[in-house]
Amino acid sequence: HSPSVSPDGRTIVFVSARDGNHAIYTMNLDGSNQRKLTRS
């Protein structure tokens, strides 16, 4: 949930609890290359 699009329009950041805690993730605009961005 909670998506935000980068100024260049290439990246979406969002919140996910897929690994346990609520952390920030990123992916390409088409949904590819999803990865965890923060490690706290």
All heavy atoms as atom14 arrays in JSON, in Angstrom:
{
  "sequence": "HSPSVSPDGRTIVFVSARDGNHAIYTMNLDGSNQRKLTRS",
  "atom14_mask": [
    [1, 1, 1, 1, 1, 1, 1, 1, 1, 1, 0, 0, 0, 0],
    [1, 1, 1, 1, 1, 1, 0, 0, 0, 0, 0, 0, 0, 0],
    [1, 1, 1, 1, 1, 1, 1, 0, 0, 0, 0, 0, 0, 0],
    [1, 1, 1, 1, 1, 1, 0, 0, 0, 0, 0, 0, 0, 0],
    [1, 1, 1, 1, 1, 1, 1, 0, 0, 0, 0, 0, 0, 0],
    [1, 1, 1, 1, 1, 1, 0, 0, 0, 0, 0, 0, 0, 0],
    [1, 1, 1, 1, 1, 1, 1, 0, 0, 0, 0, 0, 0, 0],
    [1, 1, 1, 1, 1, 1, 1, 1, 0, 0, 0, 0, 0, 0],
    [1, 1, 1, 1, 0, 0, 0, 0, 0, 0, 0, 0, 0, 0],
    [1, 1, 1, 1, 1, 1, 1, 1, 1, 1, 1, 0, 0, 0],
    [1, 1, 1, 1, 1, 1, 1, 0, 0, 0, 0, 0, 0, 0],
    [1, 1, 1, 1, 1, 1, 1, 1, 0, 0, 0, 0, 0, 0],
    [1, 1, 1, 1, 1, 1, 1, 0, 0, 0, 0, 0, 0, 0],
    [1, 1, 1, 1, 1, 1, 1, 1, 1, 1, 1, 0, 0, 0],
    [1, 1, 1, 1, 1, 1, 1, 0, 0, 0, 0, 0, 0, 0],
    [1, 1, 1, 1, 1, 1, 0, 0, 0, 0, 0, 0, 0, 0],
    [1, 1, 1, 1, 1, 0, 0, 0, 0, 0, 0, 0, 0, 0],
    [1, 1, 1, 1, 1, 1, 1, 1, 1, 1, 1, 0, 0, 0],
    [1, 1, 1, 1, 1, 1, 1, 1, 0, 0, 0, 0, 0, 0],
    [1, 1, 1, 1, 0, 0, 0, 0, 0, 0, 0, 0, 0, 0],
    [1, 1, 1, 1, 1, 1, 1, 1, 0, 0, 0, 0, 0, 0],
    [1, 1, 1, 1, 1, 1, 1, 1, 1, 1, 0, 0, 0, 0],
    [1, 1, 1, 1, 1, 0, 0, 0, 0, 0, 0, 0, 0, 0],
    [1, 1, 1, 1, 1, 1, 1, 1, 0, 0, 0, 0, 0, 0],
    [1, 1, 1, 1, 1, 1, 1, 1, 1, 1, 1, 1, 0, 0],
    [1, 1, 1, 1, 1, 1, 1, 0, 0, 0, 0, 0, 0, 0],
    [1, 1, 1, 1, 1, 1, 1, 1, 0, 0, 0, 0, 0, 0],
    [1, 1, 1, 1, 1, 1, 1, 1, 0, 0, 0, 0, 0, 0],
    [1, 1, 1, 1, 1, 1, 1, 1, 0, 0, 0, 0, 0, 0],
    [1, 1, 1, 1, 1, 1, 1, 1, 0, 0, 0, 0, 0, 0],
    [1, 1, 1, 1, 0, 0, 0, 0, 0, 0, 0, 0, 0, 0],
    [1, 1, 1, 1, 1, 1, 0, 0, 0, 0, 0, 0, 0, 0],
    [1, 1, 1, 1, 1, 1, 1, 1, 0, 0, 0, 0, 0, 0],
    [1, 1, 1, 1, 1, 1, 1, 1, 1, 0, 0, 0, 0, 0],
    [1, 1, 1, 1, 1, 1, 1, 1, 1, 1, 1, 0, 0, 0],
    [1, 1, 1, 1, 1, 1, 1, 1, 1, 0, 0, 0, 0, 0],
    [1, 1, 1, 1, 1, 1, 1, 1, 0, 0, 0, 0, 0, 0],
    [1, 1, 1, 1, 1, 1, 1, 0, 0, 0, 0, 0, 0, 0],
    [1, 1, 1, 1, 1, 1, 1, 1, 1, 1, 1, 0, 0, 0],
    [1, 1, 1, 1, 1, 1, 0, 0, 0, 0, 0, 0, 0, 0]
  ],
  "atom14_positions": [
    [[0.83, -1.2, 0.0], [0.0, 0.0, 0.0], [0.87, 1.25, 0.0], [2.1, 1.18, -0.01], [-0.93, 0.0, 1.22], [-0.22, -0.08, 2.54], [0.14, 1.01, 3.27], [0.2, -1.16, 3.27], [0.74, 0.65, 4.37], [0.79, -0.67, 4.41], [0.0, 0.0, 0.0], [0.0, 0.0, 0.0], [0.0, 0.0, 0.0], [0.0, 0.0, 0.0]],
    [[0.22, 2.42, 0.01], [0.86, 3.74, 0.1], [1.87, 4.0, -1.01], [3.04, 4.29, -0.74], [1.54, 3.91, 1.47], [0.63, 3.71, 2.52], [0.0, 0.0, 0.0], [0.0, 0.0, 0.0], [0.0, 0.0, 0.0], [0.0, 0.0, 0.0], [0.0, 0.0, 0.0], [0.0, 0.0, 0.0], [0.0, 0.0, 0.0], [0.0, 0.0, 0.0]],
    [[1.47, 3.93, -2.28], [2.44, 4.16, -3.37], [2.77, 5.63, -3.56], [1.97, 6.52, -3.27], [1.7, 3.6, -4.59], [0.25, 3.85, -4.27], [0.12, 3.63, -2.79], [0.0, 0.0, 0.0], [0.0, 0.0, 0.0], [0.0, 0.0, 0.0], [0.0, 0.0, 0.0], [0.0, 0.0, 0.0], [0.0, 0.0, 0.0], [0.0, 0.0, 0.0]],
    [[3.97, 5.87, -4.08], [4.42, 7.2, -4.5], [5.32, 7.02, -5.71], [6.12, 6.09, -5.76], [5.17, 7.91, -3.37], [5.6, 9.2, -3.77], [0.0, 0.0, 0.0], [0.0, 0.0, 0.0], [0.0, 0.0, 0.0], [0.0, 0.0, 0.0], [0.0, 0.0, 0.0], [0.0, 0.0, 0.0], [0.0, 0.0, 0.0], [0.0, 0.0, 0.0]],
    [[5.19, 7.89, -6.72], [5.93, 7.76, -7.97], [7.08, 8.76, -7.98], [6.92, 9.93, -7.63], [5.01, 7.99, -9.18], [5.77, 7.72, -10.48], [3.78, 7.09, -9.09], [0.0, 0.0, 0.0], [0.0, 0.0, 0.0], [0.0, 0.0, 0.0], [0.0, 0.0, 0.0], [0.0, 0.0, 0.0], [0.0, 0.0, 0.0], [0.0, 0.0, 0.0]],
    [[8.25, 8.3, -8.43], [9.44, 9.14, -8.47], [9.28, 10.28, -9.48], [8.49, 10.17, -10.43], [10.68, 8.31, -8.83], [10.54, 7.75, -10.12], [0.0, 0.0, 0.0], [0.0, 0.0, 0.0], [0.0, 0.0, 0.0], [0.0, 0.0, 0.0], [0.0, 0.0, 0.0], [0.0, 0.0, 0.0], [0.0, 0.0, 0.0], [0.0, 0.0, 0.0]],
    [[10.03, 11.38, -9.32], [9.89, 12.52, -10.24], [10.19, 12.19, -11.69], [9.65, 12.83, -12.6], [10.91, 13.53, -9.69], [11.08, 13.16, -8.26], [10.93, 11.68, -8.21], [0.0, 0.0, 0.0], [0.0, 0.0, 0.0], [0.0, 0.0, 0.0], [0.0, 0.0, 0.0], [0.0, 0.0, 0.0], [0.0, 0.0, 0.0], [0.0, 0.0, 0.0]],
    [[11.06, 11.19, -11.94], [11.36, 10.82, -13.33], [10.35, 9.83, -13.9], [10.44, 9.43, -15.07], [12.78, 10.27, -13.45], [13.0, 9.0, -12.62], [12.01, 8.43, -12.11], [14.16, 8.58, -12.49], [0.0, 0.0, 0.0], [0.0, 0.0, 0.0], [0.0, 0.0, 0.0], [0.0, 0.0, 0.0], [0.0, 0.0, 0.0], [0.0, 0.0, 0.0]],
    [[9.37, 9.4, -13.08], [8.32, 8.52, -13.56], [8.74, 7.08, -13.78], [8.0, 6.3, -14.39], [0.0, 0.0, 0.0], [0.0, 0.0, 0.0], [0.0, 0.0, 0.0], [0.0, 0.0, 0.0], [0.0, 0.0, 0.0], [0.0, 0.0, 0.0], [0.0, 0.0, 0.0], [0.0, 0.0, 0.0], [0.0, 0.0, 0.0], [0.0, 0.0, 0.0]],
    [[9.9, 6.69, -13.29], [10.4, 5.35, -13.56], [10.22, 4.39, -12.4], [10.29, 3.17, -12.57], [11.9, 5.43, -13.92], [12.19, 6.28, -15.15], [13.68, 6.51, -15.34], [14.4, 5.25, -15.49], [15.72, 5.17, -15.58], [16.46, 6.28, -15.52], [16.31, 4.0, -15.73], [0.0, 0.0, 0.0], [0.0, 0.0, 0.0], [0.0, 0.0, 0.0]],
    [[9.99, 4.91, -11.18], [10.01, 4.08, -9.98], [8.8, 4.36, -9.1], [8.35, 5.5, -8.99], [11.29, 4.35, -9.17], [12.43, 4.15, -10.02], [11.39, 3.41, -7.98], [0.0, 0.0, 0.0], [0.0, 0.0, 0.0], [0.0, 0.0, 0.0], [0.0, 0.0, 0.0], [0.0, 0.0, 0.0], [0.0, 0.0, 0.0], [0.0, 0.0, 0.0]],
    [[8.29, 3.31, -8.47], [7.24, 3.41, -7.47], [7.8, 2.93, -6.14], [8.41, 1.86, -6.08], [6.01, 2.57, -7.85], [5.42, 3.04, -9.17], [4.96, 2.62, -6.75], [4.33, 2.1, -9.71], [0.0, 0.0, 0.0], [0.0, 0.0, 0.0], [0.0, 0.0, 0.0], [0.0, 0.0, 0.0], [0.0, 0.0, 0.0], [0.0, 0.0, 0.0]],
    [[7.61, 3.71, -5.09], [7.9, 3.22, -3.75], [6.58, 2.92, -3.06], [5.55, 3.54, -3.37], [8.73, 4.22, -2.92], [10.14, 4.32, -3.43], [8.05, 5.57, -2.86], [0.0, 0.0, 0.0], [0.0, 0.0, 0.0], [0.0, 0.0, 0.0], [0.0, 0.0, 0.0], [0.0, 0.0, 0.0], [0.0, 0.0, 0.0], [0.0, 0.0, 0.0]],
    [[6.6, 1.99, -2.14], [5.39, 1.6, -1.44], [5.76, 0.91, -0.14], [6.93, 0.61, 0.12], [4.52, 0.68, -2.32], [5.18, -0.61, -2.73], [4.9, -1.81, -2.08], [6.08, -0.64, -3.79], [5.5, -3.0, -2.47], [6.7, -1.83, -4.19], [6.4, -3.0, -3.52], [0.0, 0.0, 0.0], [0.0, 0.0, 0.0], [0.0, 0.0, 0.0]],
    [[4.76, 0.65, 0.68], [4.94, -0.04, 1.96], [4.46, -1.47, 1.82], [3.42, -1.73, 1.21], [4.18, 0.67, 3.09], [4.29, -0.11, 4.4], [4.69, 2.08, 3.28], [0.0, 0.0, 0.0], [0.0, 0.0, 0.0], [0.0, 0.0, 0.0], [0.0, 0.0, 0.0], [0.0, 0.0, 0.0], [0.0, 0.0, 0.0], [0.0, 0.0, 0.0]],
    [[5.23, -2.39, 2.37], [4.82, -3.79, 2.37], [5.33, -4.46, 3.64], [6.39, -4.11, 4.17], [5.39, -4.53, 1.14], [4.99, -5.89, 1.15], [0.0, 0.0, 0.0], [0.0, 0.0, 0.0], [0.0, 0.0, 0.0], [0.0, 0.0, 0.0], [0.0, 0.0, 0.0], [0.0, 0.0, 0.0], [0.0, 0.0, 0.0], [0.0, 0.0, 0.0]],
    [[4.56, -5.43, 4.13], [4.96, -6.23, 5.29], [5.24, -7.67, 4.86], [5.12, -8.6, 5.66], [3.87, -6.19, 6.36], [0.0, 0.0, 0.0], [0.0, 0.0, 0.0], [0.0, 0.0, 0.0], [0.0, 0.0, 0.0], [0.0, 0.0, 0.0], [0.0, 0.0, 0.0], [0.0, 0.0, 0.0], [0.0, 0.0, 0.0], [0.0, 0.0, 0.0]],
    [[5.63, -7.86, 3.62], [5.87, -9.2, 3.09], [6.99, -9.94, 3.8], [7.03, -11.18, 3.79], [6.16, -9.12, 1.59], [7.42, -8.34, 1.23], [7.61, -8.22, -0.27], [6.56, -7.43, -0.9], [6.49, -7.21, -2.21], [7.41, -7.72, -3.01], [5.52, -6.47, -2.71], [0.0, 0.0, 0.0], [0.0, 0.0, 0.0], [0.0, 0.0, 0.0]],
    [[7.91, -9.21, 4.43], [9.01, -9.83, 5.15], [8.85, -9.73, 6.66], [9.8, -9.96, 7.41], [10.35, -9.21, 4.74], [10.72, -9.55, 3.31], [10.33, -10.64, 2.84], [11.37, -8.72, 2.65], [0.0, 0.0, 0.0], [0.0, 0.0, 0.0], [0.0, 0.0, 0.0], [0.0, 0.0, 0.0], [0.0, 0.0, 0.0], [0.0, 0.0, 0.0]],
    [[7.66, -9.37, 7.12], [7.42, -9.3, 8.55], [6.99, -7.92, 9.01], [5.82, -7.7, 9.31], [0.0, 0.0, 0.0], [0.0, 0.0, 0.0], [0.0, 0.0, 0.0], [0.0, 0.0, 0.0], [0.0, 0.0, 0.0], [0.0, 0.0, 0.0], [0.0, 0.0, 0.0], [0.0, 0.0, 0.0], [0.0, 0.0, 0.0], [0.0, 0.0, 0.0]],
    [[7.92, -6.98, 9.07], [7.57, -5.62, 9.52], [7.25, -4.73, 8.32], [7.6, -5.04, 7.18], [8.72, -5.01, 10.32], [9.95, -4.78, 9.46], [10.43, -5.7, 8.82], [10.47, -3.57, 9.47], [0.0, 0.0, 0.0], [0.0, 0.0, 0.0], [0.0, 0.0, 0.0], [0.0, 0.0, 0.0], [0.0, 0.0, 0.0], [0.0, 0.0, 0.0]],
    [[6.59, -3.62, 8.59], [6.25, -2.67, 7.53], [7.5, -1.9, 7.13], [8.05, -1.13, 7.92], [5.16, -1.7, 8.0], [3.81, -2.32, 8.11], [3.47, -3.2, 9.12], [2.71, -2.21, 7.32], [2.22, -3.58, 8.96], [1.73, -3.01, 7.88], [0.0, 0.0, 0.0], [0.0, 0.0, 0.0], [0.0, 0.0, 0.0], [0.0, 0.0, 0.0]],
    [[7.94, -2.09, 5.9], [9.15, -1.48, 5.38], [8.87, -0.84, 4.03], [7.81, -1.05, 3.42], [10.27, -2.5, 5.28], [0.0, 0.0, 0.0], [0.0, 0.0, 0.0], [0.0, 0.0, 0.0], [0.0, 0.0, 0.0], [0.0, 0.0, 0.0], [0.0, 0.0, 0.0], [0.0, 0.0, 0.0], [0.0, 0.0, 0.0], [0.0, 0.0, 0.0]],
    [[9.83, -0.04, 3.53], [9.7, 0.63, 2.26], [10.29, -0.25, 1.16], [11.41, -0.73, 1.26], [10.42, 1.99, 2.26], [10.0, 2.82, 3.49], [10.11, 2.75, 0.98], [8.53, 3.12, 3.58], [0.0, 0.0, 0.0], [0.0, 0.0, 0.0], [0.0, 0.0, 0.0], [0.0, 0.0, 0.0], [0.0, 0.0, 0.0], [0.0, 0.0, 0.0]],
    [[9.52, -0.44, 0.1], [9.95, -1.22, -1.06], [9.9, -0.34, -2.3], [9.27, 0.71, -2.31], [9.04, -2.44, -1.26], [9.27, -3.55, -0.26], [8.83, -3.42, 1.05], [9.93, -4.72, -0.62], [9.04, -4.42, 1.99], [10.14, -5.74, 0.31], [9.69, -5.58, 1.6], [9.92, -6.58, 2.52], [0.0, 0.0, 0.0], [0.0, 0.0, 0.0]],
    [[10.57, -0.8, -3.35], [10.56, -0.08, -4.61], [10.37, -1.05, -5.77], [10.66, -2.25, -5.64], [11.88, 0.71, -4.8], [11.83, 1.45, -6.02], [13.07, -0.23, -4.86], [0.0, 0.0, 0.0], [0.0, 0.0, 0.0], [0.0, 0.0, 0.0], [0.0, 0.0, 0.0], [0.0, 0.0, 0.0], [0.0, 0.0, 0.0], [0.0, 0.0, 0.0]],
    [[9.84, -0.56, -6.87], [9.69, -1.36, -8.08], [9.66, -0.42, -9.27], [9.45, 0.79, -9.14], [8.41, -2.21, -8.03], [7.12, -1.42, -7.93], [5.66, -2.5, -7.83], [4.37, -1.33, -7.39], [0.0, 0.0, 0.0], [0.0, 0.0, 0.0], [0.0, 0.0, 0.0], [0.0, 0.0, 0.0], [0.0, 0.0, 0.0], [0.0, 0.0, 0.0]],
    [[9.85, -0.99, -10.45], [9.72, -0.22, -11.68], [8.25, 0.14, -11.9], [7.35, -0.46, -11.31], [10.26, -0.99, -12.87], [11.76, -1.23, -12.77], [12.46, -0.54, -12.03], [12.25, -2.22, -13.51], [0.0, 0.0, 0.0], [0.0, 0.0, 0.0], [0.0, 0.0, 0.0], [0.0, 0.0, 0.0], [0.0, 0.0, 0.0], [0.0, 0.0, 0.0]],
    [[8.0, 1.07, -12.8], [6.64, 1.53, -13.03], [5.73, 0.41, -13.52], [4.51, 0.46, -13.3], [6.65, 2.68, -14.05], [5.37, 3.52, -14.15], [5.08, 4.24, -12.85], [5.48, 4.52, -15.3], [0.0, 0.0, 0.0], [0.0, 0.0, 0.0], [0.0, 0.0, 0.0], [0.0, 0.0, 0.0], [0.0, 0.0, 0.0], [0.0, 0.0, 0.0]],
    [[6.3, -0.6, -14.17], [5.49, -1.71, -14.66], [5.38, -2.85, -13.65], [4.82, -3.9, -13.96], [6.07, -2.25, -15.98], [7.49, -2.78, -15.83], [8.04, -2.76, -14.71], [8.06, -3.22, -16.85], [0.0, 0.0, 0.0], [0.0, 0.0, 0.0], [0.0, 0.0, 0.0], [0.0, 0.0, 0.0], [0.0, 0.0, 0.0], [0.0, 0.0, 0.0]],
    [[5.92, -2.66, -12.44], [5.84, -3.68, -11.4], [7.02, -4.62, -11.33], [7.11, -5.45, -10.42], [0.0, 0.0, 0.0], [0.0, 0.0, 0.0], [0.0, 0.0, 0.0], [0.0, 0.0, 0.0], [0.0, 0.0, 0.0], [0.0, 0.0, 0.0], [0.0, 0.0, 0.0], [0.0, 0.0, 0.0], [0.0, 0.0, 0.0], [0.0, 0.0, 0.0]],
    [[7.96, -4.51, -12.24], [9.13, -5.37, -12.24], [10.18, -4.89, -11.23], [10.12, -3.76, -10.74], [9.75, -5.44, -13.64], [10.18, -4.15, -14.05], [0.0, 0.0, 0.0], [0.0, 0.0, 0.0], [0.0, 0.0, 0.0], [0.0, 0.0, 0.0], [0.0, 0.0, 0.0], [0.0, 0.0, 0.0], [0.0, 0.0, 0.0], [0.0, 0.0, 0.0]],
    [[11.15, -5.76, -10.94], [12.29, -5.44, -10.08], [11.86, -4.95, -8.7], [12.31, -3.92, -8.2], [13.19, -4.38, -10.76], [14.53, -4.23, -10.06], [15.04, -5.17, -9.44], [15.11, -3.05, -10.15], [0.0, 0.0, 0.0], [0.0, 0.0, 0.0], [0.0, 0.0, 0.0], [0.0, 0.0, 0.0], [0.0, 0.0, 0.0], [0.0, 0.0, 0.0]],
    [[11.0, -5.71, -8.04], [10.56, -5.34, -6.69], [11.64, -5.73, -5.68], [12.14, -6.86, -5.69], [9.24, -6.03, -6.36], [8.11, -5.59, -7.27], [6.75, -6.13, -6.86], [6.53, -6.48, -5.7], [5.82, -6.18, -7.81], [0.0, 0.0, 0.0], [0.0, 0.0, 0.0], [0.0, 0.0, 0.0], [0.0, 0.0, 0.0], [0.0, 0.0, 0.0]],
    [[11.99, -4.79, -4.81], [13.03, -5.05, -3.82], [12.84, -4.17, -2.6], [12.22, -3.1, -2.66], [14.41, -4.8, -4.42], [14.63, -3.39, -4.96], [15.92, -3.26, -5.71], [16.09, -1.92, -6.28], [16.64, -0.9, -5.64], [17.09, -1.08, -4.39], [16.77, 0.27, -6.21], [0.0, 0.0, 0.0], [0.0, 0.0, 0.0], [0.0, 0.0, 0.0]],
    [[13.38, -4.63, -1.49], [13.3, -3.9, -0.23], [14.3, -2.76, -0.23], [15.47, -2.93, -0.56], [13.56, -4.85, 0.93], [13.18, -4.31, 2.3], [13.33, -5.4, 3.35], [12.86, -4.93, 4.71], [12.96, -6.02, 5.73], [0.0, 0.0, 0.0], [0.0, 0.0, 0.0], [0.0, 0.0, 0.0], [0.0, 0.0, 0.0], [0.0, 0.0, 0.0]],
    [[13.85, -1.56, 0.17], [14.71, -0.38, 0.1], [15.31, -0.02, 1.46], [16.41, 0.5, 1.52], [13.9, 0.81, -0.43], [14.66, 2.03, -0.92], [15.6, 1.67, -2.07], [13.67, 3.11, -1.37], [0.0, 0.0, 0.0], [0.0, 0.0, 0.0], [0.0, 0.0, 0.0], [0.0, 0.0, 0.0], [0.0, 0.0, 0.0], [0.0, 0.0, 0.0]],
    [[14.59, -0.28, 2.54], [15.08, 0.05, 3.88], [15.3, -1.22, 4.68], [14.68, -2.25, 4.42], [14.08, 0.95, 4.63], [12.8, 0.3, 4.66], [13.92, 2.29, 3.91], [0.0, 0.0, 0.0], [0.0, 0.0, 0.0], [0.0, 0.0, 0.0], [0.0, 0.0, 0.0], [0.0, 0.0, 0.0], [0.0, 0.0, 0.0], [0.0, 0.0, 0.0]],
    [[16.17, -1.14, 5.68], [16.56, -2.34, 6.44], [16.31, -2.21, 7.94], [16.78, -3.04, 8.7], [18.05, -2.63, 6.19], [18.4, -2.89, 4.73], [17.74, -4.14, 4.2], [17.95, -4.32, 2.78], [17.45, -5.35, 2.08], [16.7, -6.26, 2.69], [17.68, -5.43, 0.78], [0.0, 0.0, 0.0], [0.0, 0.0, 0.0], [0.0, 0.0, 0.0]],
    [[15.6, -1.2, 8.36], [15.35, -1.01, 9.78], [14.33, -2.03, 10.28], [13.47, -2.49, 9.52], [14.83, 0.41, 10.03], [14.33, 0.55, 11.34], [0.0, 0.0, 0.0], [0.0, 0.0, 0.0], [0.0, 0.0, 0.0], [0.0, 0.0, 0.0], [0.0, 0.0, 0.0], [0.0, 0.0, 0.0], [0.0, 0.0, 0.0], [0.0, 0.0, 0.0]]
  ]
}
